[in-house]
Each structure stands twice: as C-alpha cells, then as structure tokens.
Amino acid sequence: MVSPVTVVKIAGLGKDSLFCQHEGSGALSPIPSGGKQQPPPESSPRQTSGKMQDVTKTEYKGDLQKLGKIPERLVFAPAHSTSFDTDWEDPICLQVKSEGPKLVPFFKATCVYFVLWLPTSSPSWFSALIKCLPIFCLWVFLLAHGINFLVSRRSASRILAGLIFSAMGDAFLIWQEQGYFIHGLLMFAITHILYSSAFGMKPLDLKAGLLMGVVSSSCYAFLYSYLSGPFTYLVAVYIALIGFMGWRAVAGVQLCNDLWTWTKLSACVGAMLFMVSDLTVALNKFCFPVPYSRFIIMATYYAAQMLIALSAVETRDEEDFRKRS
C-alpha cells in the first residue's frame, strides 16, 4: 500500500516542477512526467499540514540542493493518491480570485464618490454617507469572512475596529469648517493605534523604525512653522502615531529575509498611502493649497484602507508559517 504524500510544486519550473513529500519522512523526491509517485528518500521527520501554503526556499533548501533545483518558493496542495494533476495555480492568484468578488461593492462605492464629487462647501448627511460608503463596504468585506474569523484573529477584529473609527473620522471631517476637524483627527488617531496593534510588534526591525522616525520628524519640522495653538501639539502626536503605524507595517514585510507574505506587503503599501494622504491633508490645510488635493487625498486614502483591510485576511497557513519562521 502506498503511503499518503503531499504534492509539492516548485513555482517557476514548468512541467518538471512536481515533487512528492512523504508524510513520514518529509523528504522530497521528483515525480516523473507520467505523474507516478516514486519512493521518497529517507530524511528527518517534518510535519506537513496538507493545506495550500507558500514556503520560502530556505525551508527545503537542503533537499532541493540534492535535486539541483532551488526555487523561489514551494507551493503545497493536499493529495493522497498516486497520480496528480499538473495544472496548478499560484496561491496569490487563488487569493485574488477568492477575495476579489468581495471587494466589488467597495470599488462601486468608490466610483460613486468620485462620479458624484459632491461639493465640500455644502456639508450634509448625504455627502457624509457617500464619503463613508466605501469604508462601510470594507466593513462588509471583513464581516463576509464570518464572525468566527474575526473572533479567532485579533488582528482582523482590530482592523475592523479601525475602519469603524475611520468612518466616524470621515463624517466629522465633512463638517471640519464648522469646528469638527479636531474630532476627525482624534478618530483617525485611534484608527492608527488599532492598526499598529493589528500589525504587532514582531519583528521589531529597529532600522525601519529609525527610518520612519526620521521621515515623521522631517514632516513635523516642515509643518511646525505653519502650526499654531493646540494644533502645534495635536499634529505632533498624530504624526507620531501614524509614523509608528507605518513602522509596524514596514517591519512586518521582511523582504530581506524572504519571509514576506502578500498580506504583509498589502499592509505596508496601505500604510504608506495613508501617510501620503494625511500629509496632503496637512499641507493643504495648514501650509498652502495643493493642486488636486481632494483627489489625491481621497484616492490614496481609499486605496490605503482597502489594502489594510486585505491584510487582515491572512490564511491559516500563512500564520502557521510565520510562527515557524
């Protein structure tokens, strides 16, 4: 009787990219073009989950050096038979196909906002609804993954909470000329605290923290001469919070260590876009008129929120891999 195996596809090697991994030994052995399994070589035990996941080349570097092939990554899929289908898809493509349809309402709501382009000089509850509608759709996007998903993943629930405070901030900023700018600032400050908590403190990456500190300090130094009254201190605190959030997002990517996942990259790009959006807000409000400021602010803001929301949908396998790393 043939022992169960997990099929391993080495991305980027074409038809000769299939290997079998014995559940007992964990070793890799090539699968010939006919698709029949060969007995695996003996190796040290390695536990396999049987679920689709990305694994960096360092995990199986020893086995693959013996085979003479070092891939960009390995793609696992469950299989417990002696013949295999060679038509595989990259997990990133599968994730896009899985999550893309759930984001359709968000894209439609964003289009509605830009098509209507309601004047900011006449704030109303309707204009607040249109502005917040894309963020509401991101609530639905996360809730569509189920309550158990949000309960079991604290990072996802914190990002959802951040989106709720973001919507409140958006609503306050509709009436910023009526004295509600500070209220909106407070809501987004809480949002950045929640996002920072969701991104976590591991890995620490002090170099990224130092870089983000320099960028944040430079921005505040430029804005300082334009600030007065309570904004002198409030803007300083806000920049510190968003800079900290950016640090935690950048630190999580780990590009140099080849430990990145698409969700971590999404969080990083989203945090950077959020900083661009808020810097444009500050320049336009306190310093000088920025051409096309509203379009720049809202386009980068909506893209940032979408990417940060996407970062919450890590698969279980990505989380397990991060723990092993």
C-alpha atoms as a PDB file:
ATOM      1  CA  MET A   1       0.000   0.000   0.000  1.00  0.00           C
ATOM      2  CA  VAL A   2       1.378   3.390  -0.969  1.00  0.00           C
ATOM      3  CA  SER A   3       1.743   5.838   1.921  1.00  0.00           C
ATOM      4  CA  PRO A   4      -0.074   9.177   1.669  1.00  0.00           C
ATOM      5  CA  VAL A   5       2.005  12.025   0.283  1.00  0.00           C
ATOM      6  CA  THR A   6       1.696  15.761  -0.137  1.00  0.00           C
ATOM      7  CA  VAL A   7       2.352  17.042  -3.633  1.00  0.00           C
ATOM      8  CA  VAL A   8       4.892  19.847  -3.844  1.00  0.00           C
ATOM      9  CA  LYS A   9       5.068  22.123  -6.845  1.00  0.00           C
ATOM     10  CA  ILE A  10       8.149  24.288  -7.271  1.00  0.00           C
ATOM     11  CA  ALA A  11       6.933  27.576  -8.737  1.00  0.00           C
ATOM     12  CA  GLY A  12       8.621  28.646 -11.941  1.00  0.00           C
ATOM     13  CA  LEU A  13       9.971  25.250 -13.067  1.00  0.00           C
ATOM     14  CA  GLY A  14       7.191  24.424 -15.530  1.00  0.00           C
ATOM     15  CA  LYS A  15       6.170  20.801 -16.145  1.00  0.00           C
ATOM     16  CA  ASP A  16       9.143  19.355 -14.235  1.00  0.00           C
ATOM     17  CA  SER A  17       8.185  21.141 -11.035  1.00  0.00           C
ATOM     18  CA  LEU A  18       6.277  18.406  -9.192  1.00  0.00           C
ATOM     19  CA  PHE A  19       7.694  16.538  -6.232  1.00  0.00           C
ATOM     20  CA  CYS A  20       6.147  14.267  -3.670  1.00  0.00           C
ATOM     21  CA  GLN A  21       6.681  14.593   0.050  1.00  0.00           C
ATOM     22  CA  HIS A  22       6.180  11.523   2.217  1.00  0.00           C
ATOM     23  CA  GLU A  23       4.212  12.281   5.366  1.00  0.00           C
ATOM     24  CA  GLY A  24       6.503  10.120   7.441  1.00  0.00           C
ATOM     25  CA  SER A  25       9.926  11.379   6.364  1.00  0.00           C
ATOM     26  CA  GLY A  26       9.037  14.784   4.958  1.00  0.00           C
ATOM     27  CA  ALA A  27      11.658  14.341   2.211  1.00  0.00           C
ATOM     28  CA  LEU A  28      11.170  15.431  -1.393  1.00  0.00           C
ATOM     29  CA  SER A  29      11.507  13.204  -4.436  1.00  0.00           C
ATOM     30  CA  PRO A  30      10.770  14.140  -8.074  1.00  0.00           C
ATOM     31  CA  ILE A  31       7.581  12.999  -9.776  1.00  0.00           C
ATOM     32  CA  PRO A  32       8.281  11.849 -13.356  1.00  0.00           C
ATOM     33  CA  SER A  33       6.340  13.305 -16.270  1.00  0.00           C
ATOM     34  CA  GLY A  34       3.968  10.329 -16.196  1.00  0.00           C
ATOM     35  CA  GLY A  35       2.663  11.529 -12.847  1.00  0.00           C
ATOM     36  CA  LYS A  36       3.528   8.399 -10.810  1.00  0.00           C
ATOM     37  CA  GLN A  37       4.962   8.717  -7.371  1.00  0.00           C
ATOM     38  CA  GLN A  38       8.496   7.477  -6.610  1.00  0.00           C
ATOM     39  CA  PRO A  39       9.527   6.217  -3.185  1.00  0.00           C
ATOM     40  CA  PRO A  40      10.876   9.225  -1.267  1.00  0.00           C
ATOM     41  CA  PRO A  41      14.443   9.280   0.022  1.00  0.00           C
ATOM     42  CA  GLU A  42      14.939   8.950   3.758  1.00  0.00           C
ATOM     43  CA  SER A  43      15.215  12.184   5.683  1.00  0.00           C
ATOM     44  CA  SER A  44      14.462  13.631   9.062  1.00  0.00           C
ATOM     45  CA  PRO A  45      10.770  13.842  10.036  1.00  0.00           C
ATOM     46  CA  ARG A  46       8.919  17.010   9.117  1.00  0.00           C
ATOM     47  CA  GLN A  47       5.305  17.644   9.918  1.00  0.00           C
ATOM     48  CA  THR A  48       3.059  18.590   6.986  1.00  0.00           C
ATOM     49  CA  SER A  49      -0.305  20.264   7.169  1.00  0.00           C
ATOM     50  CA  GLY A  50      -1.715  19.104   3.825  1.00  0.00           C
ATOM     51  CA  LYS A  51      -3.062  22.605   3.178  1.00  0.00           C
ATOM     52  CA  MET A  52      -2.129  25.032   0.450  1.00  0.00           C
ATOM     53  CA  GLN A  53       0.629  27.385   1.518  1.00  0.00           C
ATOM     54  CA  ASP A  54       3.693  29.301   0.418  1.00  0.00           C
ATOM     55  CA  VAL A  55       7.024  28.222   1.914  1.00  0.00           C
ATOM     56  CA  THR A  56      10.250  30.067   1.269  1.00  0.00           C
ATOM     57  CA  LYS A  57      13.142  28.263  -0.350  1.00  0.00           C
ATOM     58  CA  THR A  58      15.103  28.166   2.914  1.00  0.00           C
ATOM     59  CA  GLU A  59      12.651  25.637   4.403  1.00  0.00           C
ATOM     60  CA  TYR A  60      13.615  22.874   1.958  1.00  0.00           C
ATOM     61  CA  LYS A  61      16.947  24.187   0.756  1.00  0.00           C
ATOM     62  CA  GLY A  62      18.826  21.051   1.803  1.00  0.00           C
ATOM     63  CA  ASP A  63      16.502  18.678  -0.042  1.00  0.00           C
ATOM     64  CA  LEU A  64      16.380  20.853  -3.149  1.00  0.00           C
ATOM     65  CA  GLN A  65      20.140  21.235  -3.357  1.00  0.00           C
ATOM     66  CA  LYS A  66      20.348  17.455  -3.656  1.00  0.00           C
ATOM     67  CA  LEU A  67      17.869  17.656  -6.522  1.00  0.00           C
ATOM     68  CA  GLY A  68      19.766  20.546  -8.124  1.00  0.00           C
ATOM     69  CA  LYS A  69      16.806  22.952  -8.100  1.00  0.00           C
ATOM     70  CA  ILE A  70      16.424  25.979  -5.840  1.00  0.00           C
ATOM     71  CA  PRO A  71      13.006  27.644  -6.385  1.00  0.00           C
ATOM     72  CA  GLU A  72      11.562  30.995  -5.481  1.00  0.00           C
ATOM     73  CA  ARG A  73       9.020  29.246  -3.295  1.00  0.00           C
ATOM     74  CA  LEU A  74       7.245  25.947  -2.830  1.00  0.00           C
ATOM     75  CA  VAL A  75       3.511  25.530  -3.320  1.00  0.00           C
ATOM     76  CA  PHE A  76       1.803  22.803  -1.300  1.00  0.00           C
ATOM     77  CA  ALA A  77      -1.555  21.202  -2.042  1.00  0.00           C
ATOM     78  CA  PRO A  78      -3.291  18.245  -0.380  1.00  0.00           C
ATOM     79  CA  ALA A  79      -3.006  14.967  -2.269  1.00  0.00           C
ATOM     80  CA  HIS A  80      -3.331  11.373  -1.090  1.00  0.00           C
ATOM     81  CA  SER A  81      -3.152   9.365  -4.297  1.00  0.00           C
ATOM     82  CA  THR A  82      -0.534   8.030  -6.691  1.00  0.00           C
ATOM     83  CA  SER A  83      -1.344  10.231  -9.698  1.00  0.00           C
ATOM     84  CA  PHE A  84      -1.503  14.005  -9.834  1.00  0.00           C
ATOM     85  CA  ASP A  85      -2.890  16.844 -11.933  1.00  0.00           C
ATOM     86  CA  THR A  86      -0.111  19.121 -13.177  1.00  0.00           C
ATOM     87  CA  ASP A  87      -2.399  22.129 -13.764  1.00  0.00           C
ATOM     88  CA  TRP A  88      -1.653  24.212 -10.675  1.00  0.00           C
ATOM     89  CA  GLU A  89      -2.288  27.826  -9.761  1.00  0.00           C
ATOM     90  CA  ASP A  90      -0.179  30.133  -7.646  1.00  0.00           C
ATOM     91  CA  PRO A  91      -1.736  30.764  -4.196  1.00  0.00           C
ATOM     92  CA  ILE A  92      -1.565  34.535  -4.735  1.00  0.00           C
ATOM     93  CA  CYS A  93      -3.755  34.155  -7.841  1.00  0.00           C
ATOM     94  CA  LEU A  94      -6.119  31.962  -5.863  1.00  0.00           C
ATOM     95  CA  GLN A  95      -6.324  34.576  -3.110  1.00  0.00           C
ATOM     96  CA  VAL A  96      -7.096  37.302  -5.647  1.00  0.00           C
ATOM     97  CA  LYS A  97      -9.863  35.173  -7.149  1.00  0.00           C
ATOM     98  CA  SER A  98     -11.198  34.456  -3.669  1.00  0.00           C
ATOM     99  CA  GLU A  99     -11.144  37.987  -2.259  1.00  0.00           C
ATOM    100  CA  GLY A 100     -11.743  39.996  -5.445  1.00  0.00           C
ATOM    101  CA  PRO A 101     -15.516  39.467  -5.698  1.00  0.00           C
ATOM    102  CA  LYS A 102     -15.951  40.538  -2.058  1.00  0.00           C
ATOM    103  CA  LEU A 103     -14.362  43.899  -2.926  1.00  0.00           C
ATOM    104  CA  VAL A 104     -16.713  44.698  -5.824  1.00  0.00           C
ATOM    105  CA  PRO A 105     -19.088  46.764  -3.610  1.00  0.00           C
ATOM    106  CA  PHE A 106     -16.106  48.780  -2.370  1.00  0.00           C
ATOM    107  CA  PHE A 107     -14.992  49.605  -5.921  1.00  0.00           C
ATOM    108  CA  LYS A 108     -18.541  50.561  -6.911  1.00  0.00           C
ATOM    109  CA  ALA A 109     -18.945  52.805  -3.857  1.00  0.00           C
ATOM    110  CA  THR A 110     -15.596  54.463  -4.579  1.00  0.00           C
ATOM    111  CA  CYS A 111     -16.698  55.134  -8.163  1.00  0.00           C
ATOM    112  CA  VAL A 112     -19.940  56.652  -6.871  1.00  0.00           C
ATOM    113  CA  TYR A 113     -17.970  59.038  -4.664  1.00  0.00           C
ATOM    114  CA  PHE A 114     -15.739  60.241  -7.500  1.00  0.00           C
ATOM    115  CA  VAL A 115     -18.576  60.440 -10.033  1.00  0.00           C
ATOM    116  CA  LEU A 116     -20.875  62.471  -7.779  1.00  0.00           C
ATOM    117  CA  TRP A 117     -17.968  64.592  -6.464  1.00  0.00           C
ATOM    118  CA  LEU A 118     -20.258  66.455  -4.061  1.00  0.00           C
ATOM    119  CA  PRO A 119     -19.042  69.973  -3.141  1.00  0.00           C
ATOM    120  CA  THR A 120     -17.326  70.234   0.245  1.00  0.00           C
ATOM    121  CA  SER A 121     -18.698  73.754   0.698  1.00  0.00           C
ATOM    122  CA  SER A 122     -22.180  72.346   1.386  1.00  0.00           C
ATOM    123  CA  PRO A 123     -21.797  69.590   4.023  1.00  0.00           C
ATOM    124  CA  SER A 124     -24.770  67.325   4.542  1.00  0.00           C
ATOM    125  CA  TRP A 125     -25.607  63.897   5.877  1.00  0.00           C
ATOM    126  CA  PHE A 126     -25.946  62.686   2.292  1.00  0.00           C
ATOM    127  CA  SER A 127     -22.405  63.793   1.435  1.00  0.00           C
ATOM    128  CA  ALA A 128     -21.190  62.145   4.660  1.00  0.00           C
ATOM    129  CA  LEU A 129     -22.915  58.908   3.624  1.00  0.00           C
ATOM    130  CA  ILE A 130     -21.361  58.971   0.150  1.00  0.00           C
ATOM    131  CA  LYS A 131     -17.900  59.625   1.596  1.00  0.00           C
ATOM    132  CA  CYS A 132     -18.207  56.851   4.189  1.00  0.00           C
ATOM    133  CA  LEU A 133     -19.857  54.319   1.865  1.00  0.00           C
ATOM    134  CA  PRO A 134     -16.584  52.736   0.608  1.00  0.00           C
ATOM    135  CA  ILE A 135     -15.472  52.261   4.233  1.00  0.00           C
ATOM    136  CA  PHE A 136     -18.842  50.675   5.061  1.00  0.00           C
ATOM    137  CA  CYS A 137     -18.191  48.253   2.191  1.00  0.00           C
ATOM    138  CA  LEU A 138     -14.854  47.309   3.763  1.00  0.00           C
ATOM    139  CA  TRP A 139     -16.741  46.525   6.989  1.00  0.00           C
ATOM    140  CA  VAL A 140     -18.901  44.162   4.957  1.00  0.00           C
ATOM    141  CA  PHE A 141     -15.797  42.732   3.272  1.00  0.00           C
ATOM    142  CA  LEU A 142     -14.345  41.678   6.623  1.00  0.00           C
ATOM    143  CA  LEU A 143     -17.693  40.580   8.063  1.00  0.00           C
ATOM    144  CA  ALA A 144     -18.209  38.388   4.972  1.00  0.00           C
ATOM    145  CA  HIS A 145     -15.398  36.166   6.248  1.00  0.00           C
ATOM    146  CA  GLY A 146     -17.547  35.264   9.242  1.00  0.00           C
ATOM    147  CA  ILE A 147     -17.735  36.186  12.895  1.00  0.00           C
ATOM    148  CA  ASN A 148     -15.512  33.247  13.815  1.00  0.00           C
ATOM    149  CA  PHE A 149     -12.833  34.657  11.532  1.00  0.00           C
ATOM    150  CA  LEU A 150     -12.900  37.991  13.351  1.00  0.00           C
ATOM    151  CA  VAL A 151     -13.033  36.397  16.792  1.00  0.00           C
ATOM    152  CA  SER A 152     -10.172  33.982  16.133  1.00  0.00           C
ATOM    153  CA  ARG A 153      -7.908  36.602  14.548  1.00  0.00           C
ATOM    154  CA  ARG A 154      -7.378  39.597  16.783  1.00  0.00           C
ATOM    155  CA  SER A 155      -5.573  41.478  14.017  1.00  0.00           C
ATOM    156  CA  ALA A 156      -8.660  41.260  11.794  1.00  0.00           C
ATOM    157  CA  SER A 157     -11.010  42.445  14.540  1.00  0.00           C
ATOM    158  CA  ARG A 158      -8.709  45.391  15.316  1.00  0.00           C
ATOM    159  CA  ILE A 159      -8.582  46.385  11.668  1.00  0.00           C
ATOM    160  CA  LEU A 160     -12.386  46.256  11.562  1.00  0.00           C
ATOM    161  CA  ALA A 161     -12.483  48.486  14.652  1.00  0.00           C
ATOM    162  CA  GLY A 162     -10.041  50.836  12.920  1.00  0.00           C
ATOM    163  CA  LEU A 163     -12.330  51.019   9.902  1.00  0.00           C
ATOM    164  CA  ILE A 164     -15.250  51.912  12.176  1.00  0.00           C
ATOM    165  CA  PHE A 165     -13.328  54.813  13.715  1.00  0.00           C
ATOM    166  CA  SER A 166     -12.176  55.827  10.222  1.00  0.00           C
ATOM    167  CA  ALA A 167     -15.779  56.178   9.090  1.00  0.00           C
ATOM    168  CA  MET A 168     -16.509  58.331  12.133  1.00  0.00           C
ATOM    169  CA  GLY A 169     -13.482  60.460  11.285  1.00  0.00           C
ATOM    170  CA  ASP A 170     -14.661  60.831   7.697  1.00  0.00           C
ATOM    171  CA  ALA A 171     -18.039  62.025   8.909  1.00  0.00           C
ATOM    172  CA  PHE A 172     -16.525  64.605  11.276  1.00  0.00           C
ATOM    173  CA  LEU A 173     -14.259  65.953   8.519  1.00  0.00           C
ATOM    174  CA  ILE A 174     -17.299  66.679   6.356  1.00  0.00           C
ATOM    175  CA  TRP A 175     -18.001  69.452   8.872  1.00  0.00           C
ATOM    176  CA  GLN A 176     -14.384  70.424   9.527  1.00  0.00           C
ATOM    177  CA  GLU A 177     -15.040  74.078   8.675  1.00  0.00           C
ATOM    178  CA  GLN A 178     -17.743  74.067  11.345  1.00  0.00           C
ATOM    179  CA  GLY A 179     -15.199  73.157  14.027  1.00  0.00           C
ATOM    180  CA  TYR A 180     -15.101  69.351  13.822  1.00  0.00           C
ATOM    181  CA  PHE A 181     -11.588  68.917  12.409  1.00  0.00           C
ATOM    182  CA  ILE A 182     -10.114  68.022  15.806  1.00  0.00           C
ATOM    183  CA  HIS A 183     -12.843  65.419  16.309  1.00  0.00           C
ATOM    184  CA  GLY A 184     -11.888  63.809  12.995  1.00  0.00           C
ATOM    185  CA  LEU A 185      -8.215  63.982  13.961  1.00  0.00           C
ATOM    186  CA  LEU A 186      -8.976  62.125  17.195  1.00  0.00           C
ATOM    187  CA  MET A 187     -10.917  59.393  15.374  1.00  0.00           C
ATOM    188  CA  PHE A 188      -8.067  58.760  12.953  1.00  0.00           C
ATOM    189  CA  ALA A 189      -5.541  58.815  15.802  1.00  0.00           C
ATOM    190  CA  ILE A 190      -7.472  55.938  17.404  1.00  0.00           C
ATOM    191  CA  THR A 191      -7.534  54.223  13.998  1.00  0.00           C
ATOM    192  CA  HIS A 192      -3.738  54.306  13.786  1.00  0.00           C
ATOM    193  CA  ILE A 193      -3.425  52.888  17.303  1.00  0.00           C
ATOM    194  CA  LEU A 194      -5.708  49.993  16.342  1.00  0.00           C
ATOM    195  CA  TYR A 195      -3.850  49.360  13.083  1.00  0.00           C
ATOM    196  CA  SER A 196      -0.500  49.407  14.905  1.00  0.00           C
ATOM    197  CA  SER A 197      -1.852  46.863  17.378  1.00  0.00           C
ATOM    198  CA  ALA A 198      -3.111  44.714  14.499  1.00  0.00           C
ATOM    199  CA  PHE A 199       0.289  44.729  12.780  1.00  0.00           C
ATOM    200  CA  GLY A 200       2.010  43.696  16.025  1.00  0.00           C
ATOM    201  CA  MET A 201       5.472  44.273  17.460  1.00  0.00           C
ATOM    202  CA  LYS A 202       7.260  41.302  15.905  1.00  0.00           C
ATOM    203  CA  PRO A 203       9.648  41.508  14.202  1.00  0.00           C
ATOM    204  CA  LEU A 204      10.928  44.712  15.820  1.00  0.00           C
ATOM    205  CA  ASP A 205      13.156  45.941  12.931  1.00  0.00           C
ATOM    206  CA  LEU A 206      14.757  48.968  14.558  1.00  0.00           C
ATOM    207  CA  LYS A 207      16.236  50.107  11.238  1.00  0.00           C
ATOM    208  CA  ALA A 208      12.759  50.529   9.772  1.00  0.00           C
ATOM    209  CA  GLY A 209      11.707  52.311  12.969  1.00  0.00           C
ATOM    210  CA  LEU A 210      14.639  54.706  12.723  1.00  0.00           C
ATOM    211  CA  LEU A 211      13.870  55.443   9.079  1.00  0.00           C
ATOM    212  CA  MET A 212      10.203  56.086   9.839  1.00  0.00           C
ATOM    213  CA  GLY A 213      11.187  58.282  12.773  1.00  0.00           C
ATOM    214  CA  VAL A 214      13.394  60.409  10.518  1.00  0.00           C
ATOM    215  CA  VAL A 215      10.604  60.750   7.932  1.00  0.00           C
ATOM    216  CA  SER A 216       7.993  61.658  10.577  1.00  0.00           C
ATOM    217  CA  SER A 217      10.297  64.164  12.295  1.00  0.00           C
ATOM    218  CA  SER A 218      11.110  65.804   8.963  1.00  0.00           C
ATOM    219  CA  CYS A 219       7.416  66.182   8.143  1.00  0.00           C
ATOM    220  CA  TYR A 220       6.679  67.761  11.517  1.00  0.00           C
ATOM    221  CA  ALA A 221       9.689  70.058  11.262  1.00  0.00           C
ATOM    222  CA  PHE A 222       8.364  71.333   7.939  1.00  0.00           C
ATOM    223  CA  LEU A 223       4.825  71.813   9.262  1.00  0.00           C
ATOM    224  CA  TYR A 224       5.840  73.351  12.597  1.00  0.00           C
ATOM    225  CA  SER A 225       6.182  76.952  11.416  1.00  0.00           C
ATOM    226  CA  TYR A 226       2.660  76.827   9.954  1.00  0.00           C
ATOM    227  CA  LEU A 227       1.005  75.481  13.106  1.00  0.00           C
ATOM    228  CA  SER A 228      -0.457  77.489  15.960  1.00  0.00           C
ATOM    229  CA  GLY A 229      -2.482  76.962  19.101  1.00  0.00           C
ATOM    230  CA  PRO A 230      -3.434  73.398  20.036  1.00  0.00           C
ATOM    231  CA  PHE A 231      -2.507  72.111  16.571  1.00  0.00           C
ATOM    232  CA  THR A 232       1.164  72.543  17.462  1.00  0.00           C
ATOM    233  CA  TYR A 233       0.814  69.639  19.882  1.00  0.00           C
ATOM    234  CA  LEU A 234      -2.048  67.705  18.309  1.00  0.00           C
ATOM    235  CA  VAL A 235      -0.321  67.401  14.930  1.00  0.00           C
ATOM    236  CA  ALA A 236       2.889  66.273  16.664  1.00  0.00           C
ATOM    237  CA  VAL A 237       1.042  63.465  18.460  1.00  0.00           C
ATOM    238  CA  TYR A 238      -0.835  62.487  15.312  1.00  0.00           C
ATOM    239  CA  ILE A 239       2.351  62.318  13.218  1.00  0.00           C
ATOM    240  CA  ALA A 240       3.978  60.183  15.913  1.00  0.00           C
ATOM    241  CA  LEU A 241       1.039  57.760  15.854  1.00  0.00           C
ATOM    242  CA  ILE A 242       0.831  57.424  12.080  1.00  0.00           C
ATOM    243  CA  GLY A 243       4.617  57.122  11.879  1.00  0.00           C
ATOM    244  CA  PHE A 244       4.509  54.321  14.447  1.00  0.00           C
ATOM    245  CA  MET A 245       1.778  52.584  12.452  1.00  0.00           C
ATOM    246  CA  GLY A 246       3.892  52.895   9.307  1.00  0.00           C
ATOM    247  CA  TRP A 247       6.881  51.410  11.134  1.00  0.00           C
ATOM    248  CA  ARG A 248       4.934  48.350  12.260  1.00  0.00           C
ATOM    249  CA  ALA A 249       3.571  47.815   8.748  1.00  0.00           C
ATOM    250  CA  VAL A 250       7.006  48.114   7.120  1.00  0.00           C
ATOM    251  CA  ALA A 251       8.662  45.905   9.737  1.00  0.00           C
ATOM    252  CA  GLY A 252       6.222  43.082   9.067  1.00  0.00           C
ATOM    253  CA  VAL A 253       7.160  42.679   5.408  1.00  0.00           C
ATOM    254  CA  GLN A 254      10.678  41.195   5.945  1.00  0.00           C
ATOM    255  CA  LEU A 255      11.654  41.356   2.292  1.00  0.00           C
ATOM    256  CA  CYS A 256      15.352  40.933   3.094  1.00  0.00           C
ATOM    257  CA  ASN A 257      14.718  37.691   4.966  1.00  0.00           C
ATOM    258  CA  ASP A 258      12.458  36.263   2.225  1.00  0.00           C
ATOM    259  CA  LEU A 259       9.684  35.843   4.805  1.00  0.00           C
ATOM    260  CA  TRP A 260       7.135  38.200   3.291  1.00  0.00           C
ATOM    261  CA  THR A 261       3.536  37.351   2.500  1.00  0.00           C
ATOM    262  CA  TRP A 262       1.175  39.190   0.171  1.00  0.00           C
ATOM    263  CA  THR A 263      -0.924  40.326   3.140  1.00  0.00           C
ATOM    264  CA  LYS A 264       2.086  41.882   4.879  1.00  0.00           C
ATOM    265  CA  LEU A 265       3.066  43.655   1.673  1.00  0.00           C
ATOM    266  CA  SER A 266      -0.509  44.888   1.363  1.00  0.00           C
ATOM    267  CA  ALA A 267      -0.373  46.337   4.884  1.00  0.00           C
ATOM    268  CA  CYS A 268       2.934  48.062   4.138  1.00  0.00           C
ATOM    269  CA  VAL A 269       1.752  49.714   0.906  1.00  0.00           C
ATOM    270  CA  GLY A 270      -1.536  50.659   2.569  1.00  0.00           C
ATOM    271  CA  ALA A 271       0.245  52.340   5.480  1.00  0.00           C
ATOM    272  CA  MET A 272       2.484  54.316   3.108  1.00  0.00           C
ATOM    273  CA  LEU A 273      -0.523  55.515   1.093  1.00  0.00           C
ATOM    274  CA  PHE A 274      -2.287  56.513   4.321  1.00  0.00           C
ATOM    275  CA  MET A 275       0.728  58.649   5.246  1.00  0.00           C
ATOM    276  CA  VAL A 276       0.721  60.289   1.803  1.00  0.00           C
ATOM    277  CA  SER A 277      -2.988  61.051   2.145  1.00  0.00           C
ATOM    278  CA  ASP A 278      -2.648  62.601   5.608  1.00  0.00           C
ATOM    279  CA  LEU A 279       0.448  64.587   4.650  1.00  0.00           C
ATOM    280  CA  THR A 280      -1.506  66.061   1.744  1.00  0.00           C
ATOM    281  CA  VAL A 281      -4.322  66.960   4.163  1.00  0.00           C
ATOM    282  CA  ALA A 282      -1.849  68.734   6.451  1.00  0.00           C
ATOM    283  CA  LEU A 283      -0.119  70.629   3.646  1.00  0.00           C
ATOM    284  CA  ASN A 284      -3.414  71.736   2.131  1.00  0.00           C
ATOM    285  CA  LYS A 285      -4.947  72.810   5.453  1.00  0.00           C
ATOM    286  CA  PHE A 286      -2.008  74.410   7.258  1.00  0.00           C
ATOM    287  CA  CYS A 287       0.574  75.378   4.621  1.00  0.00           C
ATOM    288  CA  PHE A 288      -0.556  76.111   1.070  1.00  0.00           C
ATOM    289  CA  PRO A 289      -3.170  74.946  -1.448  1.00  0.00           C
ATOM    290  CA  VAL A 290      -2.171  71.652  -3.042  1.00  0.00           C
ATOM    291  CA  PRO A 291      -3.338  71.233  -6.662  1.00  0.00           C
ATOM    292  CA  TYR A 292      -5.921  68.468  -6.995  1.00  0.00           C
ATOM    293  CA  SER A 293      -5.604  67.951  -3.241  1.00  0.00           C
ATOM    294  CA  ARG A 294      -9.030  66.409  -2.763  1.00  0.00           C
ATOM    295  CA  PHE A 295      -8.476  63.837  -5.484  1.00  0.00           C
ATOM    296  CA  ILE A 296      -5.011  62.938  -4.156  1.00  0.00           C
ATOM    297  CA  ILE A 297      -6.274  62.712  -0.574  1.00  0.00           C
ATOM    298  CA  MET A 298      -9.281  60.519  -1.295  1.00  0.00           C
ATOM    299  CA  ALA A 299      -7.662  58.284  -3.936  1.00  0.00           C
ATOM    300  CA  THR A 300      -4.712  57.424  -1.680  1.00  0.00           C
ATOM    301  CA  TYR A 301      -6.990  57.159   1.359  1.00  0.00           C
ATOM    302  CA  TYR A 302      -9.425  54.681  -0.186  1.00  0.00           C
ATOM    303  CA  ALA A 303      -6.574  52.624  -1.654  1.00  0.00           C
ATOM    304  CA  ALA A 304      -4.843  52.593   1.736  1.00  0.00           C
ATOM    305  CA  GLN A 305      -7.942  51.415   3.586  1.00  0.00           C
ATOM    306  CA  MET A 306      -8.607  48.692   1.026  1.00  0.00           C
ATOM    307  CA  LEU A 307      -5.037  47.350   1.258  1.00  0.00           C
ATOM    308  CA  ILE A 308      -5.060  47.419   5.059  1.00  0.00           C
ATOM    309  CA  ALA A 309      -8.400  45.591   5.082  1.00  0.00           C
ATOM    310  CA  LEU A 310      -6.921  42.998   2.703  1.00  0.00           C
ATOM    311  CA  SER A 311      -4.010  42.484   5.082  1.00  0.00           C
ATOM    312  CA  ALA A 312      -6.460  41.124   7.643  1.00  0.00           C
ATOM    313  CA  VAL A 313      -7.362  38.087   5.563  1.00  0.00           C
ATOM    314  CA  GLU A 314      -4.218  36.053   6.152  1.00  0.00           C
ATOM    315  CA  THR A 315      -4.785  32.360   5.572  1.00  0.00           C
ATOM    316  CA  ARG A 316      -4.228  29.962   8.448  1.00  0.00           C
ATOM    317  CA  ASP A 317      -1.237  28.536   6.600  1.00  0.00           C
ATOM    318  CA  GLU A 318       0.460  31.931   6.386  1.00  0.00           C
ATOM    319  CA  GLU A 319       0.053  32.344  10.127  1.00  0.00           C
ATOM    320  CA  ASP A 320       1.496  28.876  10.787  1.00  0.00           C
ATOM    321  CA  PHE A 321       4.447  29.611   8.513  1.00  0.00           C
ATOM    322  CA  ARG A 322       5.146  32.880  10.295  1.00  0.00           C
ATOM    323  CA  LYS A 323       5.212  31.062  13.632  1.00  0.00           C
ATOM    324  CA  ARG A 324       7.693  28.510  12.274  1.00  0.00           C
ATOM    325  CA  SER A 325       9.905  31.267  10.913  1.00  0.00           C
END
